[in-house]
Protein backbone atom coordinates (compact mmCIF):
# COMPACT_ATOMS: atom_id res chain seq x y z
CA MET A 1 -56.50 15.61 107.84
CA GLU A 2 -56.41 11.89 107.30
CA THR A 3 -54.33 10.46 104.46
CA MET A 4 -55.55 7.88 101.97
CA GLU A 5 -53.22 5.27 103.46
CA ASN A 6 -54.76 5.71 106.91
CA LYS A 7 -58.27 5.33 105.48
CA PHE A 8 -57.26 2.20 103.62
CA GLU A 9 -55.57 0.67 106.66
CA ARG A 10 -58.58 1.33 108.86
CA GLY A 11 -61.02 -0.14 106.31
CA ARG A 12 -62.93 3.09 105.69
CA PHE A 13 -61.79 3.52 102.11
CA PHE A 14 -64.41 1.16 100.64
CA ARG A 15 -67.32 2.18 102.85
CA GLY A 16 -68.74 5.12 100.89
CA ARG A 17 -72.08 4.60 99.14
CA LYS A 18 -70.91 6.35 95.99
CA HIS A 19 -67.82 4.22 95.91
CA ARG A 20 -69.79 0.98 96.28
CA ALA A 21 -72.36 2.10 93.68
CA GLY A 22 -69.51 2.87 91.29
CA TRP A 23 -68.03 -0.60 91.75
CA ILE A 24 -71.44 -2.22 91.24
CA ILE A 25 -72.06 -0.28 88.04
CA LEU A 26 -68.55 -1.04 86.83
CA GLY A 27 -69.11 -4.74 87.58
CA ILE A 28 -72.39 -4.79 85.64
CA ILE A 29 -70.79 -3.05 82.67
CA GLY A 30 -67.84 -5.45 82.83
CA PHE A 31 -70.14 -8.48 82.93
CA ILE A 32 -72.14 -7.25 79.93
CA GLY A 33 -68.92 -6.49 78.04
CA PHE A 34 -67.54 -9.93 78.82
CA ALA A 35 -70.79 -11.58 77.67
CA PHE A 36 -70.67 -9.73 74.34
CA LEU A 37 -66.99 -10.55 73.89
CA PHE A 38 -67.64 -14.22 74.72
CA GLY A 39 -70.39 -14.42 72.09
CA ALA A 40 -68.09 -12.81 69.52
CA VAL A 41 -65.29 -15.29 70.27
CA ILE A 42 -67.67 -18.26 69.92
CA MET A 43 -68.99 -16.87 66.63
CA TRP A 44 -65.47 -16.34 65.33
CA LEU A 45 -64.34 -19.84 66.33
CA TRP A 46 -67.44 -21.49 64.86
CA ASN A 47 -67.22 -19.62 61.58
CA ALA A 48 -63.49 -20.29 61.30
CA LEU A 49 -63.62 -24.02 62.08
CA MET A 50 -67.01 -25.68 61.67
CA PRO A 51 -67.78 -24.84 58.01
CA VAL A 52 -64.36 -26.09 56.95
CA ILE A 53 -64.23 -29.21 59.12
CA PHE A 54 -67.85 -30.38 59.19
CA HIS A 55 -69.34 -28.45 56.22
CA LEU A 56 -71.79 -26.60 58.48
CA GLY A 57 -73.10 -23.11 57.81
CA ILE A 58 -71.85 -19.92 59.41
CA ILE A 59 -73.71 -18.46 62.38
CA THR A 60 -74.63 -14.98 63.54
CA TYR A 61 -73.57 -13.34 66.77
CA TRP A 62 -76.89 -14.08 68.50
CA GLN A 63 -76.78 -17.72 67.43
CA ALA A 64 -73.31 -17.98 68.95
CA PHE A 65 -74.54 -16.32 72.12
CA GLY A 66 -77.43 -18.81 72.26
CA LEU A 67 -75.00 -21.70 71.75
CA ALA A 68 -72.98 -20.50 74.72
CA ILE A 69 -76.07 -20.41 76.93
CA LEU A 70 -77.26 -23.79 75.63
CA GLY A 71 -73.84 -25.35 76.27
CA ARG A 72 -73.80 -23.94 79.78
CA LEU A 73 -77.26 -25.33 80.48
CA LEU A 74 -76.51 -28.77 79.05
CA PHE A 75 -72.99 -29.31 80.31
CA GLY A 76 -72.33 -26.92 83.17
CA GLY A 77 -75.53 -25.83 84.82
CA PHE A 78 -75.53 -22.50 86.61
CA GLN A 79 -73.67 -23.40 89.79
CA HIS A 80 -71.77 -20.69 91.58
CA GLY A 81 -68.32 -21.70 92.73
CA HIS A 82 -67.56 -25.36 93.23
CA HIS A 83 -70.08 -26.20 95.93
CA GLY A 84 -71.94 -28.75 93.84
CA ARG A 85 -68.84 -30.43 92.44
CA THR A 86 -67.17 -31.78 95.57
CA GLY A 87 -68.75 -35.22 95.35
CA ARG A 88 -68.20 -35.71 91.64
CA MET A 89 -64.45 -35.83 91.66
CA GLY A 90 -64.20 -38.23 94.54
CA PRO A 91 -60.67 -38.99 95.65
CA TRP A 92 -59.13 -36.87 92.86
CA ARG A 93 -60.12 -33.67 94.63
CA ARG A 94 -58.40 -34.74 97.81
CA GLY A 95 -55.08 -35.58 96.16
CA MET A 96 -55.54 -39.34 96.30
CA HIS A 97 -54.36 -39.71 92.71
CA MET A 98 -50.80 -39.31 93.87
CA HIS A 99 -48.66 -42.02 95.41
CA GLY A 100 -50.83 -44.97 94.38
CA GLY A 101 -53.94 -43.93 96.28
CA ARG A 102 -52.20 -42.78 99.42
CA ASN A 103 -52.92 -39.26 100.44
CA CYS A 104 -50.17 -36.67 100.16
CA ARG A 105 -50.64 -35.83 103.82
CA ASP A 106 -48.75 -39.02 104.66
CA TYR A 107 -45.63 -37.26 103.45
CA SER A 108 -46.40 -33.69 104.44
CA ASN A 109 -44.31 -33.63 107.60
CA GLY A 110 -41.18 -34.64 105.67
CA THR A 111 -40.21 -37.60 107.83
CA LYS A 112 -40.65 -40.18 105.06
CA TRP A 113 -39.40 -37.95 102.26
CA SER A 114 -36.11 -37.40 104.05
CA TYR A 115 -35.16 -41.00 103.18
CA TYR A 116 -36.16 -40.82 99.50
CA GLU A 117 -32.84 -39.69 98.03
CA GLN A 118 -30.91 -42.18 100.13
CA TYR A 119 -33.31 -44.99 99.09
CA TRP A 120 -33.00 -44.11 95.42
CA ASN A 121 -29.23 -44.06 95.62
CA ASP A 122 -29.04 -47.34 97.55
CA GLU A 123 -31.86 -49.47 96.13
CA GLY A 124 -33.97 -47.47 93.71
CA GLU A 125 -32.00 -47.75 90.50
CA LYS A 126 -31.29 -51.41 91.09
CA ALA A 127 -34.95 -52.16 91.86
CA PHE A 128 -36.07 -50.23 88.80
CA ASP A 129 -33.61 -52.08 86.53
CA GLU A 130 -34.91 -55.41 87.87
CA TYR A 131 -38.48 -54.31 87.23
CA VAL A 132 -37.68 -53.33 83.63
CA LYS A 133 -35.93 -56.66 83.11
CA ARG A 134 -38.97 -58.58 84.40
CA LYS A 135 -41.32 -56.60 82.19
CA SER A 136 -39.18 -57.08 79.08
CA GLU A 137 -39.00 -60.84 79.66
CA ASN A 138 -42.79 -61.17 80.16
CA PRO A 139 -44.41 -58.43 78.08
CA VAL A 140 -48.11 -57.86 78.64
CA LYS A 141 -50.14 -58.52 75.50
CA GLU A 142 -52.89 -55.98 74.84
């Protein structure tokens, strides 16, 4: 007789039709439950904040649910995953926001970072103090 561990290791544990049908039904029930909970949270937040802050009326559960769908349509669309968002973020997605536009991969092998502590101890503090002095003498007017 085969143990449960052996079935799991060999990948046969999740192959049964009843098992898959159970997971599908559980997923559908979970999705519906999450949708109802999401509508309730939106209704609660609206009714707690908007009438007090903006003097708007309270809303029902179904109005809150409709607001959630409307917000998703207007601001998020119905994309699955992040396939449609890769071009929108530009260099931010690839980590270019760090190190003044240089990619983090320049430092990934550790060869340049190995000198950082030594640089800071030798020249860093002095260079930073000089920079602060220059900035305090010639402040930028905004």
